[in-house]
Amino acid sequence: MLILTSLISLRNKLVAYGFIANSGVNETANQAGFSSQTTVYSIIGTVIAALLSLLGVIFLGLTIYGGMMWMTAEGKEERIEKAKNIIVESLIGLVIVLAAYAISFFVINALTKT
């Protein structure tokens, strides 16, 4: 399901890109003084944002899975511990993803300003 959603999102971006390239919007933007050129840095930033978004969806799925496991544990200690571990590990993953986003945001902004 996740792969299907990602493919649909990619398809929509490609269709939108084709529309922008063929509609004359770039010419109008250039005449108005707006640059519409895509740089390597903006492409890298888009890829990083997409990957981090995917990791955020994975975090959400793991958190829901751990919560459901905990709710259906029926008082069994080993299932409760497993559910707690899943939730804690997914939170650690979320912290890592947020740190990666902050670092990549800082680096991309530093590179595009120079």
N, C-alpha and C. Protein backbone atom coordinates (compact mmCIF):
# COMPACT_ATOMS: atom_id res chain seq x y z
N MET A 1 0.82 -1.18 0.00
CA MET A 1 0.00 0.00 0.00
C MET A 1 0.87 1.26 0.00
N LEU A 2 1.92 1.20 0.80
CA LEU A 2 2.83 2.34 0.90
C LEU A 2 3.53 2.59 -0.44
N ILE A 3 3.93 1.52 -1.09
CA ILE A 3 4.60 1.64 -2.39
C ILE A 3 3.64 2.22 -3.41
N LEU A 4 2.39 1.77 -3.39
CA LEU A 4 1.39 2.28 -4.32
C LEU A 4 1.16 3.77 -4.10
N THR A 5 1.07 4.20 -2.86
CA THR A 5 0.89 5.62 -2.56
C THR A 5 2.10 6.43 -3.04
N SER A 6 3.29 5.90 -2.85
CA SER A 6 4.49 6.60 -3.30
C SER A 6 4.52 6.72 -4.83
N LEU A 7 4.12 5.66 -5.51
CA LEU A 7 4.12 5.70 -6.97
C LEU A 7 3.08 6.69 -7.50
N ILE A 8 1.92 6.74 -6.87
CA ILE A 8 0.90 7.70 -7.29
C ILE A 8 1.40 9.12 -7.07
N SER A 9 2.04 9.36 -5.94
CA SER A 9 2.59 10.69 -5.67
C SER A 9 3.66 11.07 -6.69
N LEU A 10 4.53 10.12 -7.02
CA LEU A 10 5.57 10.38 -8.02
C LEU A 10 4.95 10.66 -9.38
N ARG A 11 3.92 9.90 -9.75
CA ARG A 11 3.25 10.10 -11.02
C ARG A 11 2.65 11.50 -11.09
N ASN A 12 2.01 11.94 -10.00
CA ASN A 12 1.40 13.26 -9.98
C ASN A 12 2.45 14.36 -10.13
N LYS A 13 3.61 14.17 -9.51
CA LYS A 13 4.68 15.16 -9.64
C LYS A 13 5.20 15.21 -11.07
N LEU A 14 5.32 14.03 -11.70
CA LEU A 14 5.80 14.01 -13.07
C LEU A 14 4.80 14.65 -14.02
N VAL A 15 3.51 14.42 -13.81
CA VAL A 15 2.49 15.04 -14.65
C VAL A 15 2.52 16.54 -14.47
N ALA A 16 2.64 17.00 -13.23
CA ALA A 16 2.70 18.43 -12.97
C ALA A 16 3.95 19.03 -13.60
N TYR A 17 5.08 18.32 -13.54
CA TYR A 17 6.30 18.82 -14.16
C TYR A 17 6.11 18.95 -15.67
N GLY A 18 5.48 17.96 -16.30
CA GLY A 18 5.23 18.03 -17.73
C GLY A 18 4.33 19.20 -18.09
N PHE A 19 3.34 19.48 -17.26
CA PHE A 19 2.46 20.62 -17.50
C PHE A 19 3.22 21.93 -17.42
N ILE A 20 4.06 22.07 -16.42
CA ILE A 20 4.82 23.30 -16.25
C ILE A 20 5.78 23.49 -17.42
N ALA A 21 6.40 22.41 -17.87
CA ALA A 21 7.38 22.52 -18.96
C ALA A 21 6.71 22.89 -20.27
N ASN A 22 5.47 22.49 -20.49
CA ASN A 22 4.81 22.69 -21.78
C ASN A 22 3.78 23.82 -21.80
N SER A 23 3.54 24.48 -20.68
CA SER A 23 2.44 25.46 -20.62
C SER A 23 2.88 26.89 -20.86
N GLY A 24 4.15 27.18 -20.87
CA GLY A 24 4.61 28.55 -21.04
C GLY A 24 4.76 29.29 -19.73
N VAL A 25 4.56 28.60 -18.62
CA VAL A 25 4.70 29.25 -17.32
C VAL A 25 6.13 29.71 -17.10
N ASN A 26 7.10 28.92 -17.56
CA ASN A 26 8.50 29.29 -17.39
C ASN A 26 8.82 30.58 -18.14
N GLU A 27 8.30 30.74 -19.35
CA GLU A 27 8.55 31.96 -20.11
C GLU A 27 7.96 33.18 -19.39
N THR A 28 6.76 33.02 -18.88
CA THR A 28 6.12 34.11 -18.16
C THR A 28 6.91 34.47 -16.90
N ALA A 29 7.37 33.46 -16.18
CA ALA A 29 8.15 33.70 -14.97
C ALA A 29 9.46 34.40 -15.30
N ASN A 30 10.12 33.99 -16.37
CA ASN A 30 11.37 34.63 -16.77
C ASN A 30 11.15 36.08 -17.17
N GLN A 31 10.07 36.36 -17.90
CA GLN A 31 9.79 37.74 -18.30
C GLN A 31 9.42 38.61 -17.11
N ALA A 32 8.83 37.99 -16.09
CA ALA A 32 8.46 38.74 -14.88
C ALA A 32 9.64 38.91 -13.94
N GLY A 33 10.77 38.24 -14.24
CA GLY A 33 11.96 38.39 -13.41
C GLY A 33 12.14 37.30 -12.38
N PHE A 34 11.35 36.25 -12.48
CA PHE A 34 11.49 35.13 -11.55
C PHE A 34 12.26 34.01 -12.23
N SER A 35 13.27 33.51 -11.56
CA SER A 35 14.05 32.41 -12.10
C SER A 35 13.34 31.10 -11.79
N SER A 36 13.19 30.25 -12.78
CA SER A 36 12.50 28.97 -12.57
C SER A 36 13.44 27.80 -12.84
N GLN A 37 14.73 28.04 -12.72
CA GLN A 37 15.69 26.97 -12.98
C GLN A 37 15.80 26.05 -11.78
N THR A 38 15.87 24.78 -12.07
CA THR A 38 16.03 23.79 -11.02
C THR A 38 17.51 23.52 -10.83
N THR A 39 17.98 23.64 -9.60
CA THR A 39 19.39 23.39 -9.32
C THR A 39 19.56 21.99 -8.74
N VAL A 40 20.79 21.57 -8.71
CA VAL A 40 21.10 20.26 -8.14
C VAL A 40 20.74 20.24 -6.66
N TYR A 41 20.97 21.37 -5.99
CA TYR A 41 20.67 21.44 -4.56
C TYR A 41 19.18 21.30 -4.29
N SER A 42 18.34 21.91 -5.13
CA SER A 42 16.90 21.79 -4.90
C SER A 42 16.42 20.37 -5.18
N ILE A 43 17.02 19.70 -6.14
CA ILE A 43 16.66 18.30 -6.42
C ILE A 43 17.07 17.42 -5.24
N ILE A 44 18.27 17.62 -4.73
CA ILE A 44 18.73 16.85 -3.58
C ILE A 44 17.82 17.12 -2.37
N GLY A 45 17.44 18.37 -2.17
CA GLY A 45 16.55 18.71 -1.07
C GLY A 45 15.20 18.04 -1.20
N THR A 46 14.68 17.97 -2.42
CA THR A 46 13.40 17.30 -2.66
C THR A 46 13.50 15.81 -2.37
N VAL A 47 14.59 15.19 -2.80
CA VAL A 47 14.78 13.76 -2.56
C VAL A 47 14.90 13.48 -1.05
N ILE A 48 15.66 14.31 -0.37
CA ILE A 48 15.83 14.12 1.08
C ILE A 48 14.49 14.30 1.79
N ALA A 49 13.72 15.31 1.40
CA ALA A 49 12.41 15.54 2.03
C ALA A 49 11.47 14.36 1.77
N ALA A 50 11.52 13.79 0.57
CA ALA A 50 10.66 12.65 0.26
C ALA A 50 11.06 11.43 1.10
N LEU A 51 12.35 11.18 1.22
CA LEU A 51 12.81 10.03 2.01
C LEU A 51 12.46 10.20 3.49
N LEU A 52 12.64 11.41 4.00
CA LEU A 52 12.31 11.65 5.40
C LEU A 52 10.81 11.57 5.64
N SER A 53 10.02 11.98 4.67
CA SER A 53 8.57 11.82 4.79
C SER A 53 8.19 10.35 4.83
N LEU A 54 8.83 9.55 4.00
CA LEU A 54 8.58 8.11 4.01
C LEU A 54 8.94 7.50 5.36
N LEU A 55 10.04 7.94 5.93
CA LEU A 55 10.43 7.45 7.25
C LEU A 55 9.43 7.88 8.32
N GLY A 56 8.85 9.05 8.17
CA GLY A 56 7.81 9.49 9.10
C GLY A 56 6.57 8.62 9.02
N VAL A 57 6.21 8.21 7.82
CA VAL A 57 5.06 7.31 7.65
C VAL A 57 5.37 5.95 8.28
N ILE A 58 6.59 5.48 8.12
CA ILE A 58 6.98 4.22 8.74
C ILE A 58 6.90 4.33 10.27
N PHE A 59 7.35 5.46 10.83
CA PHE A 59 7.25 5.69 12.27
C PHE A 59 5.80 5.61 12.72
N LEU A 60 4.91 6.28 11.99
CA LEU A 60 3.50 6.28 12.35
C LEU A 60 2.94 4.85 12.33
N GLY A 61 3.29 4.09 11.30
CA GLY A 61 2.83 2.71 11.22
C GLY A 61 3.33 1.85 12.37
N LEU A 62 4.60 2.01 12.73
CA LEU A 62 5.15 1.24 13.85
C LEU A 62 4.50 1.63 15.18
N THR A 63 4.23 2.91 15.35
CA THR A 63 3.58 3.35 16.57
C THR A 63 2.17 2.79 16.68
N ILE A 64 1.43 2.81 15.61
CA ILE A 64 0.08 2.24 15.61
C ILE A 64 0.15 0.74 15.85
N TYR A 65 1.08 0.06 15.21
CA TYR A 65 1.24 -1.38 15.41
C TYR A 65 1.57 -1.70 16.87
N GLY A 66 2.49 -0.96 17.46
CA GLY A 66 2.84 -1.18 18.86
C GLY A 66 1.67 -0.91 19.79
N GLY A 67 0.92 0.14 19.51
CA GLY A 67 -0.25 0.45 20.32
C GLY A 67 -1.32 -0.62 20.22
N MET A 68 -1.55 -1.12 19.01
CA MET A 68 -2.54 -2.19 18.83
C MET A 68 -2.07 -3.46 19.53
N MET A 69 -0.78 -3.75 19.45
CA MET A 69 -0.26 -4.94 20.11
C MET A 69 -0.44 -4.82 21.62
N TRP A 70 -0.20 -3.63 22.15
CA TRP A 70 -0.34 -3.41 23.59
C TRP A 70 -1.81 -3.57 24.01
N MET A 71 -2.72 -3.00 23.21
CA MET A 71 -4.14 -3.07 23.56
C MET A 71 -4.69 -4.49 23.48
N THR A 72 -4.11 -5.30 22.60
CA THR A 72 -4.61 -6.67 22.45
C THR A 72 -3.75 -7.68 23.19
N ALA A 73 -2.90 -7.24 24.09
CA ALA A 73 -2.00 -8.14 24.80
C ALA A 73 -2.71 -9.02 25.82
N GLU A 74 -3.88 -8.60 26.26
CA GLU A 74 -4.68 -9.36 27.23
C GLU A 74 -3.91 -9.66 28.51
N GLY A 75 -3.07 -8.74 28.94
CA GLY A 75 -2.35 -8.89 30.19
C GLY A 75 -1.11 -9.77 30.13
N LYS A 76 -0.74 -10.25 28.95
CA LYS A 76 0.46 -11.09 28.81
C LYS A 76 1.68 -10.18 28.81
N GLU A 77 2.52 -10.39 29.81
CA GLU A 77 3.67 -9.51 30.03
C GLU A 77 4.64 -9.48 28.85
N GLU A 78 4.89 -10.62 28.23
CA GLU A 78 5.87 -10.64 27.12
C GLU A 78 5.36 -9.85 25.92
N ARG A 79 4.04 -9.87 25.67
CA ARG A 79 3.49 -9.08 24.55
C ARG A 79 3.49 -7.60 24.89
N ILE A 80 3.24 -7.28 26.16
CA ILE A 80 3.27 -5.87 26.58
C ILE A 80 4.69 -5.32 26.45
N GLU A 81 5.67 -6.09 26.88
CA GLU A 81 7.07 -5.66 26.76
C GLU A 81 7.48 -5.49 25.30
N LYS A 82 7.04 -6.42 24.46
CA LYS A 82 7.36 -6.31 23.03
C LYS A 82 6.73 -5.05 22.44
N ALA A 83 5.49 -4.77 22.82
CA ALA A 83 4.81 -3.57 22.33
C ALA A 83 5.51 -2.31 22.81
N LYS A 84 5.91 -2.29 24.09
CA LYS A 84 6.63 -1.13 24.62
C LYS A 84 7.94 -0.93 23.87
N ASN A 85 8.64 -2.02 23.61
CA ASN A 85 9.91 -1.92 22.88
C ASN A 85 9.70 -1.37 21.47
N ILE A 86 8.63 -1.81 20.81
CA ILE A 86 8.35 -1.30 19.46
C ILE A 86 8.08 0.20 19.51
N ILE A 87 7.30 0.64 20.47
CA ILE A 87 6.97 2.06 20.58
C ILE A 87 8.21 2.88 20.92
N VAL A 88 9.01 2.41 21.87
CA VAL A 88 10.22 3.14 22.26
C VAL A 88 11.21 3.21 21.10
N GLU A 89 11.39 2.09 20.39
CA GLU A 89 12.33 2.09 19.26
C GLU A 89 11.83 2.97 18.12
N SER A 90 10.52 3.01 17.93
CA SER A 90 10.01 3.89 16.88
C SER A 90 10.18 5.36 17.28
N LEU A 91 10.06 5.68 18.56
CA LEU A 91 10.31 7.04 19.01
C LEU A 91 11.78 7.43 18.85
N ILE A 92 12.67 6.49 19.13
CA ILE A 92 14.10 6.74 18.90
C ILE A 92 14.35 6.98 17.41
N GLY A 93 13.70 6.20 16.57
CA GLY A 93 13.81 6.40 15.13
C GLY A 93 13.28 7.76 14.71
N LEU A 94 12.18 8.20 15.33
CA LEU A 94 11.63 9.52 15.01
C LEU A 94 12.61 10.62 15.38
N VAL A 95 13.26 10.49 16.52
CA VAL A 95 14.26 11.48 16.93
C VAL A 95 15.41 11.52 15.92
N ILE A 96 15.84 10.36 15.48
CA ILE A 96 16.92 10.30 14.49
C ILE A 96 16.48 10.95 13.18
N VAL A 97 15.24 10.67 12.75
CA VAL A 97 14.73 11.25 11.50
C VAL A 97 14.63 12.78 11.62
N LEU A 98 14.13 13.26 12.75
CA LEU A 98 14.04 14.72 12.94
C LEU A 98 15.42 15.37 12.97
N ALA A 99 16.38 14.70 13.59
CA ALA A 99 17.75 15.23 13.59
C ALA A 99 18.33 15.24 12.18
N ALA A 100 18.06 14.18 11.42
CA ALA A 100 18.54 14.13 10.04
C ALA A 100 17.89 15.22 9.20
N TYR A 101 16.61 15.47 9.43
CA TYR A 101 15.94 16.54 8.70
C TYR A 101 16.55 17.90 9.05
N ALA A 102 16.77 18.14 10.33
CA ALA A 102 17.35 19.42 10.75
C ALA A 102 18.74 19.61 10.15
N ILE A 103 19.55 18.57 10.17
CA ILE A 103 20.91 18.67 9.62
C ILE A 103 20.86 18.90 8.12
N SER A 104 20.02 18.13 7.41
CA SER A 104 19.95 18.29 5.96
C SER A 104 19.38 19.66 5.59
N PHE A 105 18.41 20.16 6.35
CA PHE A 105 17.85 21.48 6.10
C PHE A 105 18.93 22.55 6.26
N PHE A 106 19.73 22.43 7.31
CA PHE A 106 20.81 23.38 7.55
C PHE A 106 21.85 23.32 6.43
N VAL A 107 22.25 22.12 6.03
CA VAL A 107 23.28 21.96 4.99
C VAL A 107 22.78 22.47 3.64
N ILE A 108 21.55 22.10 3.26
CA ILE A 108 21.01 22.56 1.97
C ILE A 108 20.89 24.09 1.95
N ASN A 109 20.42 24.67 3.05
CA ASN A 109 20.34 26.14 3.09
C ASN A 109 21.72 26.79 3.02
N ALA A 110 22.71 26.19 3.69
CA ALA A 110 24.06 26.74 3.65
C ALA A 110 24.64 26.64 2.24
N LEU A 111 24.37 25.54 1.54
CA LEU A 111 24.90 25.37 0.18
C LEU A 111 24.21 26.26 -0.83
N THR A 112 22.93 26.49 -0.67
CA THR A 112 22.22 27.32 -1.65
C THR A 112 22.50 28.80 -1.46
N LYS A 113 22.91 29.21 -0.29
CA LYS A 113 23.22 30.64 -0.07
C LYS A 113 24.56 31.03 -0.67
N THR A 114 25.47 30.07 -0.86
CA THR A 114 26.78 30.41 -1.39
C THR A 114 26.79 30.44 -2.90
